[in-house]
Amino acid sequence: MDIKQQTITVRDLVAGYMNDPDHGVRGYGGRLDIRPPYQREFRYNTKQKQAVVNTILKGFPLNIMYWSVVNDEQFEMIDGQQRTLSICEYFTHEFNIEDPDRGILYFSSLTPDEQQKFLNYELTVYFCTGTDKEKLDWFRVINIAGERLLDQELLNAVYVGPFVTDARRHFSKDGCPAYKMAADLLNGIAREQAYLHIVFQWAARREGIKEVSEYMSKHKNEANANQRWAYFSAIETWVRSTFIK
C-alpha cells in the first residue's frame, strides 16, 4: 500500500464543486468523486457543519482525510466526505454560521481577509494507492475509531464499480425496491447494508463461494446487478408462497 501525505487548500478543494443528482458530487476541479457509490447516505446536521467552518476560520486543525487514487488525474473520497461537503456547501452559501457579535454569516458576509483565510486553509490528505486487499485492510484501520464503517461498507469501498452501484440501488437505502418488497421478511437496516450483505451471501453460496469479498471481486466489473435482483425476487416469492398463508 502506497500512502502519500499532501496538503490541499480549501480553494483547490472547492474548485468546480458540483452536487448533481444525475452526475454525482465532485470537487477539486472535477477530479475528486466526493460521494462514490460506497459512501454512506447520512449527512452532518447544521451544527456539525458549522463546527467544521469555525474550525477552519479559527485556524485549528481538521482530521486527516483519505483519498483513493484511481489514476493520475482522478480520485475518490474514502474518509472525509462530511467535512468536505460542509466546506463546499458553506462556500456555495447553502448554510451559514452564527457569530455572537455579528449575527448570521454566509461566506459572502465574511471580510475579505476572512474569505482568504478560509480559502487558503490547508487540509491534510493521504493519497492511497494499492491492491484491493491492501485498500480493504487500510480502510479497516482508519475506521477503528469514530463512526466506523461496517464490513459491507468496507467491501463496497474496495470493489467499487457498476456492479456495486446498481446493487446498492436495489438493496441499500430505506425505500429501495428490496425494502418495499420484503422489509417484513428481512432483519437489519437497508441503509446500513444489511440487505445487500445477505443477498451477496446467498448469491455467493449459490456459486460455491465462501466469502462475500471473493464474490464481489469476481463480479465487480459487471454492468449491473440484475441477476441478483431476480434471484432475490424469486426467493421472496417462494418464502411468501411457502410459509405465509
Foldseek 3Di string as FASTA:
>chain_A
DDKDKDKDFLLQFLDPFDDDPVPATAGSNRQERLDALLDFDDEDDPVVLLVLQVCQLVLHADDEWEWEDPDPRHIYGLDCSRSSCSSNCLVVQVAWHQDPVPGTDGLVNDDPVSNVSRRGRIHMYMYDYDALVVQLVVLQVVQPDDPRQDNVSSLCVSLPAQASNQLCQQFAACVHVCCVLDVVPDDDHRVSVRRVVVLLCVVCVVVVHHDSSVSSNVCSHPNYNVVSVVVVVVVSVCCCVPPND
